[in-house]
């Protein structure tokens, strides 16, 4: 699944946060903060991990990031609810 940090553990909210981004068709630190009641640093780390694994696009100014993974791909990697 991963690239250079594939042996690192994900945050326990990584999978639910990724699913939230897929459902909303965008990803941002502020959305993760609001939805999961997290601080900036933790939400930022989750977004950074998503980008490193190519699940979301790199930052483009102040715009939300594009989600690069489909719900079908998500379910293959992480299973369905």
N, C-alpha and C. Protein backbone atom coordinates (compact mmCIF):
# COMPACT_ATOMS: atom_id res chain seq x y z
N UNK A 1 0.82 -1.18 0.00
CA UNK A 1 0.00 0.00 0.00
C UNK A 1 0.87 1.25 0.00
N UNK A 2 1.88 1.29 0.82
CA UNK A 2 2.63 2.52 0.96
C UNK A 2 3.85 2.58 0.08
N UNK A 3 4.58 3.67 0.25
CA UNK A 3 5.83 3.80 -0.48
C UNK A 3 6.97 3.79 0.52
N UNK A 4 7.64 4.90 0.76
CA UNK A 4 8.84 4.90 1.57
C UNK A 4 8.61 4.71 3.07
N UNK A 5 7.40 4.90 3.59
CA UNK A 5 7.14 4.72 5.01
C UNK A 5 6.13 3.62 5.26
N UNK A 6 6.18 2.55 4.48
CA UNK A 6 5.14 1.53 4.53
C UNK A 6 5.10 0.77 5.85
N UNK A 7 6.19 0.78 6.65
CA UNK A 7 6.16 0.06 7.91
C UNK A 7 5.67 0.93 9.06
N UNK A 8 5.44 2.22 8.83
CA UNK A 8 4.89 3.09 9.86
C UNK A 8 3.43 2.77 10.11
N UNK A 9 3.00 2.96 11.34
CA UNK A 9 1.60 2.75 11.70
C UNK A 9 0.81 4.01 11.36
N UNK A 10 -0.41 3.79 10.89
CA UNK A 10 -1.31 4.91 10.65
C UNK A 10 -1.94 5.35 11.96
N UNK A 11 -2.33 6.60 12.02
CA UNK A 11 -3.15 7.10 13.12
C UNK A 11 -4.43 6.29 13.15
N UNK A 12 -4.98 6.06 14.32
CA UNK A 12 -6.21 5.26 14.43
C UNK A 12 -7.39 5.89 13.69
N UNK A 13 -7.33 7.19 13.43
CA UNK A 13 -8.40 7.85 12.69
C UNK A 13 -8.10 8.00 11.20
N UNK A 14 -6.97 7.45 10.74
CA UNK A 14 -6.60 7.57 9.33
C UNK A 14 -7.67 6.99 8.41
N UNK A 15 -8.08 5.76 8.67
CA UNK A 15 -9.04 5.09 7.78
C UNK A 15 -10.40 5.81 7.79
N UNK A 16 -10.97 6.12 8.97
CA UNK A 16 -12.24 6.88 8.95
C UNK A 16 -12.09 8.26 8.29
N UNK A 17 -10.95 8.90 8.47
CA UNK A 17 -10.73 10.21 7.86
C UNK A 17 -10.63 10.09 6.34
N UNK A 18 -9.95 9.06 5.87
CA UNK A 18 -9.84 8.84 4.43
C UNK A 18 -11.22 8.56 3.84
N UNK A 19 -12.01 7.75 4.50
CA UNK A 19 -13.36 7.45 4.02
C UNK A 19 -14.19 8.73 3.96
N UNK A 20 -14.06 9.59 4.97
CA UNK A 20 -14.76 10.87 5.00
C UNK A 20 -14.36 11.72 3.80
N UNK A 21 -13.08 11.75 3.48
CA UNK A 21 -12.59 12.53 2.34
C UNK A 21 -13.16 11.99 1.03
N UNK A 22 -13.20 10.68 0.90
CA UNK A 22 -13.76 10.07 -0.32
C UNK A 22 -15.23 10.44 -0.45
N UNK A 23 -15.98 10.34 0.64
CA UNK A 23 -17.40 10.65 0.61
C UNK A 23 -17.66 12.12 0.28
N UNK A 24 -16.76 13.01 0.73
CA UNK A 24 -16.91 14.45 0.48
C UNK A 24 -16.23 14.91 -0.79
N UNK A 25 -15.51 14.00 -1.45
CA UNK A 25 -14.80 14.27 -2.70
C UNK A 25 -13.78 15.40 -2.60
N UNK A 26 -13.28 15.62 -1.39
CA UNK A 26 -12.21 16.58 -1.17
C UNK A 26 -11.57 16.28 0.18
N UNK A 27 -10.38 16.82 0.36
CA UNK A 27 -9.65 16.60 1.61
C UNK A 27 -9.00 17.89 2.06
N UNK A 28 -9.16 18.20 3.33
CA UNK A 28 -8.48 19.36 3.90
C UNK A 28 -8.26 19.12 5.39
N UNK A 29 -7.25 19.78 5.91
CA UNK A 29 -6.96 19.69 7.33
C UNK A 29 -8.15 20.18 8.14
N UNK A 30 -8.73 21.30 7.73
CA UNK A 30 -9.84 21.87 8.51
C UNK A 30 -11.05 20.94 8.53
N UNK A 31 -11.31 20.23 7.43
CA UNK A 31 -12.44 19.30 7.41
C UNK A 31 -12.19 18.16 8.41
N UNK A 32 -10.97 17.64 8.43
CA UNK A 32 -10.63 16.57 9.37
C UNK A 32 -10.71 17.08 10.81
N UNK A 33 -10.24 18.29 11.04
CA UNK A 33 -10.32 18.88 12.39
C UNK A 33 -11.77 18.95 12.86
N UNK A 34 -12.63 19.49 12.02
CA UNK A 34 -14.03 19.66 12.41
C UNK A 34 -14.75 18.34 12.58
N UNK A 35 -14.58 17.46 11.61
CA UNK A 35 -15.33 16.20 11.61
C UNK A 35 -14.94 15.29 12.77
N UNK A 36 -13.64 15.27 13.10
CA UNK A 36 -13.15 14.35 14.12
C UNK A 36 -12.70 15.04 15.41
N UNK A 37 -12.95 16.36 15.49
CA UNK A 37 -12.61 17.14 16.69
C UNK A 37 -11.14 16.96 17.08
N UNK A 38 -10.27 17.22 16.11
CA UNK A 38 -8.83 17.08 16.31
C UNK A 38 -8.14 18.43 16.27
N UNK A 39 -6.94 18.47 16.80
CA UNK A 39 -6.11 19.65 16.68
C UNK A 39 -5.46 19.72 15.31
N UNK A 40 -4.88 20.87 15.02
CA UNK A 40 -4.27 21.09 13.70
C UNK A 40 -3.14 20.10 13.41
N UNK A 41 -2.27 19.87 14.39
CA UNK A 41 -1.10 19.01 14.15
C UNK A 41 -1.51 17.58 13.80
N UNK A 42 -2.44 17.02 14.54
CA UNK A 42 -2.85 15.64 14.28
C UNK A 42 -3.59 15.53 12.94
N UNK A 43 -4.48 16.47 12.67
CA UNK A 43 -5.19 16.46 11.39
C UNK A 43 -4.21 16.65 10.24
N UNK A 44 -3.24 17.52 10.42
CA UNK A 44 -2.22 17.75 9.39
C UNK A 44 -1.39 16.51 9.12
N UNK A 45 -1.06 15.76 10.15
CA UNK A 45 -0.30 14.52 10.00
C UNK A 45 -1.11 13.49 9.21
N UNK A 46 -2.41 13.39 9.49
CA UNK A 46 -3.28 12.46 8.77
C UNK A 46 -3.33 12.83 7.29
N UNK A 47 -3.50 14.13 7.00
CA UNK A 47 -3.52 14.60 5.60
C UNK A 47 -2.18 14.33 4.93
N UNK A 48 -1.09 14.56 5.63
CA UNK A 48 0.25 14.31 5.09
C UNK A 48 0.42 12.83 4.75
N UNK A 49 -0.04 11.95 5.63
CA UNK A 49 0.04 10.51 5.38
C UNK A 49 -0.79 10.12 4.16
N UNK A 50 -1.96 10.74 4.01
CA UNK A 50 -2.80 10.46 2.84
C UNK A 50 -2.07 10.86 1.55
N UNK A 51 -1.42 12.01 1.60
CA UNK A 51 -0.67 12.48 0.42
C UNK A 51 0.52 11.57 0.13
N UNK A 52 1.25 11.17 1.16
CA UNK A 52 2.42 10.31 0.97
C UNK A 52 2.05 8.98 0.33
N UNK A 53 0.85 8.51 0.60
CA UNK A 53 0.41 7.22 0.04
C UNK A 53 -0.41 7.41 -1.23
N UNK A 54 -0.42 8.64 -1.74
CA UNK A 54 -1.07 8.98 -3.01
C UNK A 54 -2.58 8.74 -3.01
N UNK A 55 -3.20 8.93 -1.84
CA UNK A 55 -4.66 8.84 -1.75
C UNK A 55 -5.30 10.19 -2.05
N UNK A 56 -4.53 11.27 -1.85
CA UNK A 56 -5.00 12.63 -2.16
C UNK A 56 -3.89 13.37 -2.90
N UNK A 57 -4.29 14.45 -3.58
CA UNK A 57 -3.32 15.24 -4.34
C UNK A 57 -2.48 16.12 -3.42
N UNK A 58 -1.34 16.59 -3.91
CA UNK A 58 -0.56 17.57 -3.15
C UNK A 58 -1.35 18.88 -2.99
N UNK A 59 -0.92 19.68 -2.06
CA UNK A 59 -1.57 20.97 -1.80
C UNK A 59 -1.42 21.90 -2.99
N UNK A 60 -2.49 22.62 -3.31
CA UNK A 60 -2.48 23.59 -4.40
C UNK A 60 -3.05 24.91 -3.85
N UNK A 61 -2.20 25.66 -3.19
CA UNK A 61 -2.65 26.90 -2.58
C UNK A 61 -3.63 26.64 -1.45
N UNK A 62 -4.71 27.42 -1.40
CA UNK A 62 -5.69 27.29 -0.33
C UNK A 62 -6.84 26.35 -0.69
N UNK A 63 -6.77 25.74 -1.87
CA UNK A 63 -7.83 24.84 -2.31
C UNK A 63 -7.81 23.53 -1.53
N UNK A 64 -8.97 22.88 -1.46
CA UNK A 64 -9.03 21.53 -0.90
C UNK A 64 -8.28 20.59 -1.84
N UNK A 65 -7.77 19.53 -1.30
CA UNK A 65 -7.04 18.56 -2.10
C UNK A 65 -8.00 17.61 -2.80
N UNK A 66 -7.60 17.16 -3.96
CA UNK A 66 -8.40 16.22 -4.73
C UNK A 66 -8.18 14.81 -4.19
N UNK A 67 -9.26 14.04 -4.10
CA UNK A 67 -9.17 12.65 -3.65
C UNK A 67 -8.85 11.78 -4.87
N UNK A 68 -7.81 10.96 -4.76
CA UNK A 68 -7.32 10.16 -5.88
C UNK A 68 -7.67 8.68 -5.76
N UNK A 69 -8.45 8.32 -4.76
CA UNK A 69 -8.82 6.93 -4.53
C UNK A 69 -10.35 6.84 -4.54
N UNK A 70 -10.85 5.79 -5.16
CA UNK A 70 -12.31 5.58 -5.22
C UNK A 70 -12.76 4.79 -3.99
N UNK A 71 -14.07 4.76 -3.77
CA UNK A 71 -14.60 3.98 -2.65
C UNK A 71 -14.34 2.49 -2.88
N UNK A 72 -14.39 2.04 -4.13
CA UNK A 72 -14.09 0.64 -4.42
C UNK A 72 -12.64 0.30 -4.06
N UNK A 73 -11.71 1.18 -4.41
CA UNK A 73 -10.30 0.96 -4.06
C UNK A 73 -10.12 0.99 -2.55
N UNK A 74 -10.79 1.92 -1.88
CA UNK A 74 -10.75 2.00 -0.42
C UNK A 74 -11.20 0.68 0.19
N UNK A 75 -12.34 0.16 -0.28
CA UNK A 75 -12.88 -1.10 0.26
C UNK A 75 -11.94 -2.27 0.01
N UNK A 76 -11.24 -2.28 -1.13
CA UNK A 76 -10.26 -3.34 -1.39
C UNK A 76 -9.11 -3.29 -0.40
N UNK A 77 -8.64 -2.07 -0.09
CA UNK A 77 -7.49 -1.91 0.81
C UNK A 77 -7.85 -2.06 2.27
N UNK A 78 -8.99 -1.50 2.68
CA UNK A 78 -9.31 -1.41 4.10
C UNK A 78 -10.55 -2.19 4.51
N UNK A 79 -11.25 -2.80 3.56
CA UNK A 79 -12.47 -3.53 3.86
C UNK A 79 -13.65 -2.60 3.97
N UNK A 80 -14.83 -3.19 3.91
CA UNK A 80 -16.05 -2.41 4.03
C UNK A 80 -16.44 -2.31 5.49
N UNK A 81 -17.32 -1.37 5.80
CA UNK A 81 -17.78 -1.20 7.20
C UNK A 81 -18.54 -2.40 7.67
